Protein backbone atom coordinates (compact mmCIF):
# COMPACT_ATOMS: atom_id res chain seq x y z
CA MET A 1 -19.04 -4.69 -13.73
CA LYS A 2 -19.81 -2.35 -10.86
CA GLU A 3 -18.60 1.20 -11.52
CA ARG A 4 -15.57 2.18 -9.47
CA GLU A 5 -16.40 4.40 -6.52
CA LYS A 6 -15.16 8.00 -6.59
CA PHE A 7 -14.61 10.59 -3.91
CA GLY A 8 -17.76 12.55 -3.14
CA SER A 9 -15.95 15.88 -2.98
CA ARG A 10 -12.64 17.52 -3.73
CA LEU A 11 -12.22 18.35 -0.03
CA GLY A 12 -12.68 14.68 0.76
CA PHE A 13 -9.88 13.65 -1.59
CA ILE A 14 -7.52 16.33 -0.26
CA LEU A 15 -8.17 15.55 3.42
CA VAL A 16 -8.05 11.76 2.99
CA SER A 17 -4.81 11.96 1.00
CA ALA A 18 -3.41 14.45 3.50
CA GLY A 19 -4.46 12.07 6.27
CA CYS A 20 -2.35 9.37 4.64
CA ALA A 21 0.61 11.76 4.31
CA VAL A 22 0.17 13.18 7.82
CA GLY A 23 1.50 10.48 10.06
CA LEU A 24 3.70 10.03 13.06
CA GLY A 25 6.71 11.16 11.04
CA ASN A 26 5.24 14.67 10.94
CA VAL A 27 4.28 15.07 14.55
CA TRP A 28 6.72 12.73 16.28
CA LYS A 29 9.93 12.70 14.30
CA PHE A 30 9.91 16.18 12.76
CA PRO A 31 10.14 18.21 16.01
CA TYR A 32 12.99 16.15 17.48
CA ILE A 33 14.92 15.82 14.21
CA CYS A 34 14.54 19.59 13.86
CA GLY A 35 15.89 19.96 17.39
CA GLU A 36 18.86 17.71 16.63
CA ASN A 37 19.75 19.78 13.57
CA GLY A 38 19.54 23.25 15.05
CA GLY A 39 15.98 24.38 14.35
CA ALA A 40 15.18 26.99 11.70
CA ALA A 41 18.05 26.32 9.30
CA PHE A 42 16.97 22.68 9.09
CA VAL A 43 13.36 23.73 8.42
CA LEU A 44 14.41 25.80 5.39
CA ILE A 45 16.49 22.98 3.89
CA TYR A 46 13.66 20.53 4.56
CA LEU A 47 11.15 22.70 2.67
CA VAL A 48 13.44 22.83 -0.37
CA PHE A 49 13.74 19.05 -0.50
CA LEU A 50 10.02 18.64 0.04
CA ALA A 51 9.47 20.58 -3.19
CA ILE A 52 12.13 18.86 -5.31
CA LEU A 53 11.56 15.32 -4.00
CA GLY A 54 8.08 14.91 -2.56
CA PHE A 55 6.10 16.86 -5.16
CA PRO A 56 7.14 15.02 -8.36
CA ILE A 57 6.93 11.58 -6.73
CA MET A 58 3.46 12.30 -5.38
CA CYS A 59 2.38 13.54 -8.82
CA ALA A 60 3.66 10.33 -10.41
CA GLU A 61 1.81 8.11 -7.94
CA PHE A 62 -1.49 10.02 -8.15
CA THR A 63 -1.36 10.13 -11.94
CA VAL A 64 -0.77 6.37 -12.32
CA GLY A 65 -3.83 5.82 -10.14
CA ARG A 66 -6.11 8.21 -12.01
CA GLY A 67 -4.82 7.24 -15.44
CA SER A 68 -5.41 3.52 -14.86
CA GLY A 69 -8.52 3.80 -12.74
CA LYS A 70 -7.10 0.91 -10.72
CA GLY A 71 -5.13 0.28 -7.56
CA ALA A 72 -1.56 -0.98 -7.68
CA ALA A 73 -2.79 -4.55 -8.36
CA ARG A 74 -3.81 -3.64 -11.92
CA ALA A 75 -2.48 -0.14 -12.60
CA PHE A 76 0.80 -1.12 -14.28
CA GLU A 77 -0.96 -3.71 -16.46
CA GLU A 78 -3.43 -1.07 -17.65
CA LEU A 79 -0.74 1.43 -18.68
CA GLU A 80 2.47 -0.48 -19.44
CA THR A 81 3.87 -1.04 -22.95
CA LYS A 82 3.18 -4.51 -24.38
CA GLY A 83 6.00 -6.94 -23.61
CA SER A 84 7.32 -5.10 -20.54
CA LYS A 85 7.41 -6.46 -16.99
CA TRP A 86 6.26 -3.48 -14.93
CA HIS A 87 3.23 -5.40 -13.60
CA HIS A 88 5.55 -7.45 -11.38
CA PHE A 89 6.08 -4.33 -9.28
CA LYS A 90 2.51 -4.55 -7.95
CA TRP A 91 3.83 -6.77 -5.15
CA VAL A 92 5.96 -3.90 -3.81
CA SER A 93 2.74 -2.08 -2.95
CA VAL A 94 0.94 -4.85 -1.08
CA VAL A 95 4.07 -6.16 0.69
CA GLY A 96 5.04 -2.62 1.69
CA SER A 97 1.56 -1.94 3.05
CA TYR A 98 1.53 -5.10 5.14
CA VAL A 99 5.04 -4.61 6.55
CA LEU A 100 4.30 -0.97 7.41
CA MET A 101 1.11 -1.93 9.22
CA ALA A 102 2.90 -4.76 11.06
CA PHE A 103 4.36 -2.15 13.41
CA TYR A 104 2.35 1.01 12.69
CA THR A 105 -0.83 -0.50 14.17
CA MET A 106 1.10 -1.16 17.38
CA VAL A 107 2.36 2.43 17.56
CA ALA A 108 -1.18 3.71 16.83
CA GLY A 109 -2.23 1.61 19.81
CA TRP A 110 0.41 3.35 21.93
CA MET A 111 -1.16 6.72 21.05
CA LEU A 112 -4.65 5.53 21.97
CA TYR A 113 -3.34 4.04 25.23
CA TYR A 114 -1.60 7.27 26.23
CA ALA A 115 -4.68 9.34 25.35
CA TRP A 116 -6.68 7.06 27.65
CA ARG A 117 -4.05 7.29 30.41
CA GLU A 118 -3.90 11.10 30.20
CA ALA A 119 -7.72 11.29 30.29
CA ARG A 120 -7.81 9.04 33.40
CA GLY A 121 -5.07 11.09 35.04
CA SER A 122 -2.89 8.04 35.67
CA LEU A 123 0.22 9.96 34.58
CA ALA A 124 -0.57 13.06 36.65
CA GLY A 125 1.61 13.71 39.67
CA LEU A 126 4.28 11.19 38.69
CA GLU A 127 7.94 12.05 39.14
CA PRO A 128 10.10 12.15 35.95
CA ASP A 129 11.62 8.74 36.58
CA GLU A 130 8.13 7.33 37.18
CA VAL A 131 6.91 8.70 33.83
CA SER A 132 9.90 7.08 32.16
CA GLY A 133 9.14 3.86 34.02
CA ALA A 134 5.51 3.97 32.84
CA PHE A 135 6.62 3.80 29.21
CA GLY A 136 9.02 0.95 29.98
CA THR A 137 6.26 -0.88 31.83
CA MET A 138 3.97 -0.62 28.80
CA LEU A 139 6.66 -2.10 26.55
CA SER A 140 7.14 -5.00 28.97
CA GLN A 141 3.42 -5.89 28.92
CA PRO A 142 2.52 -7.72 25.67
CA GLY A 143 -1.10 -8.07 26.81
CA THR A 144 -1.62 -4.30 27.15
CA MET A 145 0.06 -3.51 23.83
CA THR A 146 -1.87 -6.28 22.05
CA ILE A 147 -5.23 -5.02 23.31
CA TRP A 148 -4.57 -1.47 22.12
CA MET A 149 -3.13 -2.68 18.80
CA ILE A 150 -6.34 -4.66 18.26
CA VAL A 151 -8.40 -1.55 19.05
CA ALA A 152 -6.46 0.38 16.37
CA VAL A 153 -6.94 -2.44 13.82
CA LEU A 154 -10.68 -2.80 14.51
CA LEU A 155 -11.33 0.96 14.44
CA SER A 156 -9.50 1.38 11.13
CA PHE A 157 -10.98 -1.63 9.34
CA GLY A 158 -14.38 -0.62 10.75
CA VAL A 159 -14.06 2.67 8.86
CA CYS A 160 -12.90 0.95 5.65
CA VAL A 161 -15.71 -1.64 5.59
CA LEU A 162 -18.27 1.17 5.28
CA GLY A 163 -16.90 2.02 1.80
CA LEU A 164 -14.99 4.90 0.24
CA GLN A 165 -17.52 7.74 0.58
CA LYS A 166 -19.50 6.59 3.64
CA GLY A 167 -16.49 5.32 5.55
CA VAL A 168 -13.00 6.38 4.50
CA GLU A 169 -13.93 9.81 3.14
CA LYS A 170 -16.63 10.78 5.65
CA ILE A 171 -14.83 9.71 8.83
CA THR A 172 -11.31 10.73 7.79
CA LYS A 173 -12.60 14.20 6.89
CA VAL A 174 -13.94 14.61 10.43
CA MET A 175 -10.71 13.24 11.96
CA MET A 176 -8.54 15.53 9.87
CA LEU A 177 -10.61 18.63 10.61
CA LEU A 178 -10.47 17.84 14.34
CA LEU A 179 -6.73 17.19 14.01
CA LEU A 180 -6.18 20.60 12.40
CA ILE A 181 -8.26 22.33 15.08
CA LEU A 182 -6.46 20.51 17.90
CA ILE A 183 -3.01 21.27 16.54
CA VAL A 184 -3.75 25.00 16.30
CA VAL A 185 -5.18 25.10 19.84
CA LEU A 186 -2.20 23.17 21.24
CA ALA A 187 0.28 25.37 19.37
CA VAL A 188 -1.31 28.58 20.65
CA HIS A 189 -1.19 27.19 24.18
CA SER A 190 2.53 26.37 23.86
CA LEU A 191 3.27 29.85 22.53
CA VAL A 192 1.96 31.52 25.70
CA LEU A 193 4.04 29.39 28.07
CA PRO A 194 6.87 31.14 30.01
CA ASN A 195 10.06 31.47 27.96
CA ALA A 196 8.29 30.09 24.88
CA SER A 197 9.74 32.98 22.83
CA GLU A 198 13.19 31.39 23.07
CA GLY A 199 11.78 28.22 21.55
CA VAL A 200 10.16 30.18 18.73
CA LYS A 201 13.46 31.95 18.04
CA PHE A 202 15.30 28.62 17.92
CA TYR A 203 12.62 27.20 15.62
CA MET A 204 12.09 30.12 13.26
CA VAL A 205 15.34 32.16 13.11
CA PRO A 206 18.10 30.44 11.06
CA ASN A 207 21.36 29.98 12.92
CA LEU A 208 24.31 28.98 10.73
CA ASP A 209 26.39 28.16 13.81
CA SER A 210 24.04 25.28 14.57
CA ILE A 211 24.68 23.82 11.09
CA LYS A 212 28.45 24.15 11.57
CA SER A 213 28.32 22.29 14.87
CA ARG A 214 26.33 19.40 13.39
CA GLY A 215 27.99 19.49 9.97
CA LEU A 216 26.35 20.64 6.74
CA GLY A 217 26.32 17.16 5.19
CA PRO A 218 24.40 15.44 8.02
CA VAL A 219 21.89 18.31 8.20
CA ILE A 220 21.24 18.16 4.45
CA PHE A 221 20.84 14.39 4.45
CA ASP A 222 18.51 14.47 7.45
CA ALA A 223 16.37 17.09 5.70
CA MET A 224 16.44 15.14 2.43
CA THR A 225 15.47 11.81 3.96
CA HIS A 226 12.72 13.27 6.14
CA ALA A 227 11.24 15.19 3.20
CA PHE A 228 11.32 11.96 1.21
CA PHE A 229 9.59 9.78 3.81
CA THR A 230 7.08 12.23 5.27
CA LEU A 231 4.55 12.02 2.41
CA SER A 232 3.95 8.25 2.52
CA VAL A 233 4.79 7.80 -1.16
CA GLY A 234 6.15 4.63 -2.73
CA ILE A 235 3.84 1.81 -1.61
CA GLY A 236 0.72 2.76 -3.54
CA ALA A 237 -1.23 4.37 -0.69
CA MET A 238 -1.44 7.61 -2.70
CA GLU A 239 -1.91 5.72 -5.97
CA ILE A 240 -5.16 4.15 -4.76
CA PHE A 241 -6.63 7.55 -3.92
CA GLY A 242 -5.61 8.77 -7.37
CA SER A 243 -7.70 5.93 -8.82
CA TYR A 244 -10.76 7.32 -6.99
CA LEU A 245 -10.11 10.86 -8.27
CA LYS A 246 -12.20 12.70 -10.83
CA LYS A 247 -10.54 14.43 -13.79
CA ASP A 248 -11.75 17.98 -13.21
CA ARG A 249 -8.51 19.15 -11.52
CA THR A 250 -4.86 18.77 -12.48
CA ILE A 251 -2.75 16.39 -10.42
CA GLY A 252 -0.09 19.01 -9.72
CA GLY A 253 -2.54 21.40 -8.12
CA GLU A 254 -3.99 18.72 -5.85
CA ALA A 255 -0.53 17.48 -4.88
CA VAL A 256 0.46 21.01 -3.83
CA ASN A 257 -2.60 21.25 -1.56
CA ILE A 258 -1.80 17.95 0.15
CA ILE A 259 1.86 18.85 0.62
CA LEU A 260 0.86 22.20 2.12
CA ILE A 261 -1.40 20.49 4.69
CA ASP A 262 1.28 17.92 5.48
CA THR A 263 3.88 20.67 5.94
CA PHE A 264 1.50 22.78 8.01
CA VAL A 265 0.94 19.90 10.43
CA ALA A 266 4.68 19.20 10.72
CA LEU A 267 5.52 22.86 11.36
CA MET A 268 2.68 23.28 13.86
CA ALA A 269 3.80 20.15 15.69
CA GLY A 270 7.12 21.93 16.12
CA PHE A 271 5.28 24.95 17.56
CA ILE A 272 3.63 22.63 20.09
CA ILE A 273 6.72 20.77 21.22
CA ILE A 274 9.75 23.06 20.85
CA PRO A 275 8.44 26.12 22.80
CA ALA A 276 7.18 23.74 25.51
CA CYS A 277 10.66 22.20 25.73
CA PHE A 278 12.25 25.63 26.15
CA ALA A 279 9.61 26.63 28.68
CA TYR A 280 10.55 23.70 30.91
CA GLY A 281 14.27 23.44 30.17
CA VAL A 282 14.14 20.28 28.07
CA ALA A 283 16.41 19.61 25.06
CA PRO A 284 14.26 19.63 21.90
CA GLY A 285 16.57 17.06 20.31
CA ALA A 286 15.77 14.45 22.94
CA GLY A 287 14.89 11.81 20.34
CA PRO A 288 11.88 9.48 20.21
CA SER A 289 11.56 9.54 24.01
CA LEU A 290 10.37 13.14 23.60
CA LEU A 291 6.83 11.92 22.98
CA PHE A 292 6.24 9.38 25.73
CA ILE A 293 8.61 10.54 28.45
CA THR A 294 9.47 14.22 28.03
CA LEU A 295 6.06 15.57 27.02
CA PRO A 296 4.05 13.82 29.77
CA ASN A 297 6.49 15.36 32.26
CA ILE A 298 5.88 18.77 30.69
CA PHE A 299 2.09 18.29 30.86
CA ASN A 300 2.41 17.43 34.57
CA HIS A 301 3.90 20.89 35.20
CA MET A 302 1.28 22.78 33.18
CA ALA A 303 -1.91 24.29 34.54
CA GLY A 304 -4.63 22.01 33.24
CA GLY A 305 -1.96 19.58 32.12
CA ARG A 306 -4.31 16.60 32.13
CA ILE A 307 -6.55 18.32 29.59
CA TRP A 308 -3.66 19.38 27.38
CA GLY A 309 -2.05 15.95 27.60
CA THR A 310 -5.28 14.24 26.62
CA ALA A 311 -5.81 16.65 23.71
CA PHE A 312 -2.24 16.07 22.51
CA PHE A 313 -2.49 12.28 22.45
CA VAL A 314 -5.96 12.41 20.88
CA PHE A 315 -4.35 14.53 18.15
CA MET A 316 -1.54 11.96 17.85
CA SER A 317 -4.11 9.17 17.64
CA PHE A 318 -5.88 10.93 14.76
CA ALA A 319 -2.56 11.36 12.95
CA ALA A 320 -1.75 7.66 13.35
CA LEU A 321 -5.22 6.29 12.55
CA SER A 322 -5.63 8.44 9.43
CA THR A 323 -2.53 6.75 8.00
CA VAL A 324 -3.64 3.27 9.09
CA ILE A 325 -7.05 3.76 7.44
CA ALA A 326 -5.40 4.95 4.21
CA VAL A 327 -3.01 2.00 4.01
CA PHE A 328 -5.79 -0.47 4.91
CA GLU A 329 -7.79 0.98 2.01
CA ASN A 330 -4.83 0.29 -0.27
CA ILE A 331 -4.73 -3.34 0.90
CA ILE A 332 -8.49 -3.76 0.46
CA ALA A 333 -8.45 -2.28 -3.04
CA PHE A 334 -5.58 -4.61 -3.99
CA TYR A 335 -7.75 -7.70 -3.47
CA ILE A 336 -10.86 -6.09 -4.97
CA ASP A 337 -8.98 -5.20 -8.17
CA LEU A 338 -6.91 -8.40 -8.37
CA LYS A 339 -9.46 -11.03 -7.37
CA GLY A 340 -12.84 -9.27 -7.54
CA PHE A 341 -13.58 -9.96 -3.88
CA SER A 342 -16.20 -7.92 -2.04
CA ARG A 343 -15.04 -5.24 0.39
CA LYS A 344 -16.60 -7.05 3.36
CA LYS A 345 -14.89 -10.34 2.46
CA VAL A 346 -11.48 -8.67 2.17
CA VAL A 347 -11.91 -6.88 5.50
CA ALA A 348 -13.04 -10.06 7.28
CA GLY A 349 -9.99 -11.97 6.05
CA ASN A 350 -7.54 -9.18 6.81
CA VAL A 351 -8.67 -8.30 10.35
CA ILE A 352 -7.36 -11.56 11.81
CA PHE A 353 -4.32 -11.63 9.54
CA MET A 354 -3.34 -8.06 10.46
CA ILE A 355 -3.63 -8.75 14.19
CA LEU A 356 -1.41 -11.82 13.84
CA LEU A 357 1.04 -9.92 11.62
CA SER A 358 1.34 -7.17 14.25
CA LEU A 359 2.14 -9.52 17.13
CA PRO A 360 5.88 -9.97 16.39
CA ALA A 361 6.48 -6.21 16.77
CA VAL A 362 4.60 -6.27 20.09
CA LEU A 363 6.54 -9.29 21.35
CA GLY A 364 9.83 -7.82 20.12
CA PHE A 365 9.87 -5.49 23.15
CA ASN A 366 9.40 -8.26 25.71
CA LYS A 367 9.09 -12.00 24.96
CA LEU A 368 11.27 -11.80 21.83
CA ALA A 369 13.58 -9.01 22.99
CA ALA A 370 16.60 -11.28 22.67
CA PHE A 371 16.02 -11.46 18.92
CA GLN A 372 17.99 -8.52 17.47
CA PRO A 373 17.63 -8.94 13.69
CA ILE A 374 19.73 -6.07 12.34
CA GLY A 375 22.39 -5.85 15.00
CA PRO A 376 22.82 -5.44 18.75
CA GLY A 377 20.10 -3.36 20.39
CA SER A 378 17.68 -3.67 17.47
CA SER A 379 14.13 -5.02 17.70
CA ILE A 380 11.63 -6.63 15.35
CA MET A 381 10.01 -3.21 14.91
CA ASP A 382 13.40 -1.81 13.84
CA LEU A 383 13.66 -4.50 11.17
CA GLU A 384 10.14 -3.83 9.88
CA ASP A 385 10.73 -0.08 9.91
CA PHE A 386 14.01 -0.58 8.06
CA LEU A 387 12.35 -2.75 5.40
CA VAL A 388 9.70 -0.09 4.76
CA SER A 389 11.56 3.18 5.29
CA TYR A 390 14.88 2.25 3.68
CA ASN A 391 13.73 -0.23 1.05
CA LEU A 392 10.10 -0.31 -0.03
CA LEU A 393 9.38 3.44 0.14
CA PRO A 394 12.44 4.65 -1.83
CA LEU A 395 12.41 1.72 -4.28
CA GLY A 396 8.65 2.02 -4.75
CA SER A 397 8.97 5.75 -5.37
CA MET A 398 11.65 5.15 -7.97
CA ILE A 399 9.43 2.58 -9.70
CA PHE A 400 6.61 5.11 -10.06
CA VAL A 401 8.98 7.80 -11.35
CA LEU A 402 10.67 5.48 -13.88
CA PHE A 403 7.31 4.11 -15.04
CA CYS A 404 6.07 7.62 -15.79
CA THR A 405 9.18 8.64 -17.74
CA LYS A 406 10.47 5.53 -19.56
CA LYS A 407 9.18 4.66 -23.04
CA ASN A 408 8.66 0.99 -22.18
CA GLY A 409 6.59 2.06 -19.17
CA TRP A 410 3.77 4.56 -19.47
CA GLY A 411 6.05 7.21 -20.91
CA TRP A 412 6.36 10.93 -20.35
CA GLU A 413 3.72 11.94 -22.90
CA GLY A 414 1.02 9.72 -21.41
CA PHE A 415 1.93 10.70 -17.87
CA ARG A 416 2.02 14.46 -18.52
CA LYS A 417 -1.22 14.42 -20.52
CA GLU A 418 -3.09 12.70 -17.68
CA ALA A 419 -1.46 14.81 -14.96
CA ASN A 420 -2.40 18.07 -16.72
CA GLU A 421 -6.03 17.19 -17.42
CA GLY A 422 -8.45 19.52 -15.63
CA LYS A 423 -8.24 22.98 -14.10
CA GLY A 424 -5.14 24.03 -12.23
CA PRO A 425 -1.35 24.38 -12.62
CA LYS A 426 0.24 22.20 -15.30
CA LEU A 427 3.46 20.20 -15.14
CA PRO A 428 5.99 21.94 -17.45
CA GLU A 429 7.86 20.12 -20.21
CA TRP A 430 11.26 20.95 -18.68
CA LEU A 431 10.39 18.70 -15.74
CA ARG A 432 10.95 15.71 -18.02
CA PHE A 433 14.76 15.75 -17.79
CA TYR A 434 14.68 16.23 -14.02
CA MET A 435 12.25 13.35 -13.43
CA SER A 436 13.96 11.07 -15.95
CA TYR A 437 17.54 11.40 -14.70
CA ILE A 438 18.14 13.68 -11.70
CA LEU A 439 15.28 12.52 -9.46
CA PRO A 440 16.09 8.78 -9.81
CA ALA A 441 19.72 9.57 -9.00
CA ILE A 442 18.69 11.45 -5.84
CA ILE A 443 16.47 8.53 -4.80
CA VAL A 444 19.41 6.13 -5.24
CA VAL A 445 21.57 8.40 -3.04
CA VAL A 446 18.87 8.55 -0.33
CA TYR A 447 18.44 4.78 -0.53
CA LEU A 448 22.13 3.92 -0.24
CA LYS A 449 22.72 6.58 2.42
CA GLY A 450 19.96 4.99 4.50
CA TYR A 451 21.78 1.65 4.39
CA TYR A 452 25.11 3.29 5.17
CA ASP A 453 23.79 5.19 8.18
CA THR A 454 21.99 2.13 9.51
CA PHE A 455 24.83 -0.37 9.29
CA LYS A 456 28.04 1.67 9.59
CA PRO A 457 27.80 1.82 13.41
CA ARG A 458 27.39 -1.98 13.50
CA GLY A 459 30.79 -2.71 11.96
CA THR A 460 32.39 -3.28 8.57
CA GLY A 461 31.05 -6.81 8.18
CA TYR A 462 27.44 -5.69 8.59
CA LEU A 463 28.00 -2.65 6.36
CA VAL A 464 29.60 -4.47 3.40
CA GLY A 465 27.08 -7.31 3.42
CA TRP A 466 24.03 -5.07 3.56
CA MET A 467 25.41 -2.59 1.00
CA ILE A 468 25.87 -5.49 -1.44
CA PHE A 469 22.26 -6.51 -0.76
CA ALA A 470 21.10 -2.93 -1.44
CA CYS A 471 22.94 -2.85 -4.77
CA VAL A 472 21.42 -6.19 -5.80
CA LEU A 473 17.92 -4.80 -5.18
CA LEU A 474 18.74 -1.73 -7.27
CA LEU A 475 20.01 -3.88 -10.14
CA ALA A 476 16.82 -5.96 -9.99
CA ILE A 477 14.65 -2.82 -10.15
CA PHE A 478 16.51 -1.37 -13.13
CA GLY A 479 16.61 -4.78 -14.84
CA ILE A 480 12.83 -5.22 -14.71
CA ALA A 481 12.25 -1.55 -15.56
CA ASN A 482 14.34 -1.84 -18.75
CA TYR A 483 13.04 -5.24 -19.87
CA LYS A 484 11.06 -5.48 -23.08
CA LYS A 485 10.59 -8.35 -25.50
CA LYS A 486 12.32 -7.68 -28.80
CA ASP A 487 9.29 -8.66 -30.82
CA ALA A 488 6.90 -6.62 -28.69
């Protein structure tokens, strides 16, 4: 059997894993959710939850990958106790990866399209309502969105087909280094804009009045959920990179490095967007429209705005494509481990399938706009995002945590031994109680709160029905996790 490929360098592993974690949630959602929740106070709460939620889950996922030497297709089978049913959870990984990419490739195409438009200058000189209309026009044109979605799919699979070291590692390293350079340059530029200091004050100086106006509970839950989702844990995308990892460094130390890069990018994205909003009198809590409507208007008022707009959307494209490449690698490894297929064969089969799978999200904004799957005003993308963000990510994360702590899974001793192998900080023994009981409880709260927030505005009928569905999924997870044959 051919020896499993490994990362060529530690920097490669850190940047590729960080590229998976650094996605549109960092640079799109973080600035506006920070704006909605009053700035600096939200940032502090977010950082706390990043440490108590993101770190242990990431450690669990990386360690399962390195300990098994396999992707999610075979990892549970390699490590589980005889007679248990953990291996059935492998489908959460591949289904989650496909559903995520069903809309994420489309949004990556949006970023590439806007980078191209900024570079051409087709947004320059437009009035604010014309910029808004340009985004609406794009959504109404399935042909345009399909073309750019296909470009994102082909670029990303083109990187993956070259292999781990020559493709994924080599090219993602370059993308991530350019991303980090671009984000610093863009942040410095925003900081020297007129009145930018007011934006920095809003962003960096805690204001308890802002929490009171929003309500402490909503601010805490927004910080908790964003910290949970920002690291791309739960669907095996981190697990696969753990399986390519050498054993010379502890898992905890590497996880800290990746979280620091992820957090740095999120915070710097805030330094790009929030001071610019204050400089031009725009509300930083403007929501998702901030990216495609508000910021192009801001660039149009800047000196050299075409250059800065192009650089910004190139940066956004790198953030999106680094995640797409990472998740595509997870899908490819699934078939290699499960069926023994060659990398080229898996890529060839998945290119067409992924394009077809992405079409419903594209058509959901135009031809299929009348189909509103989770309530009035919703789209196919909203359904796919809901399935991933509020189901597969939290449930997948809980599976990894339970597997690493329960005796009929891998168990705490096996998990901690593997995680602590190599140089670097070790996971302490006291973490066992937290990961065994408190962390799963927090995940359940985040999971159910996501359902509640999504369906409460749609009426009691929607809410009760979907909450029952959520509880059924939880019972199924715990049932499989606790199953073990008596004679095993």
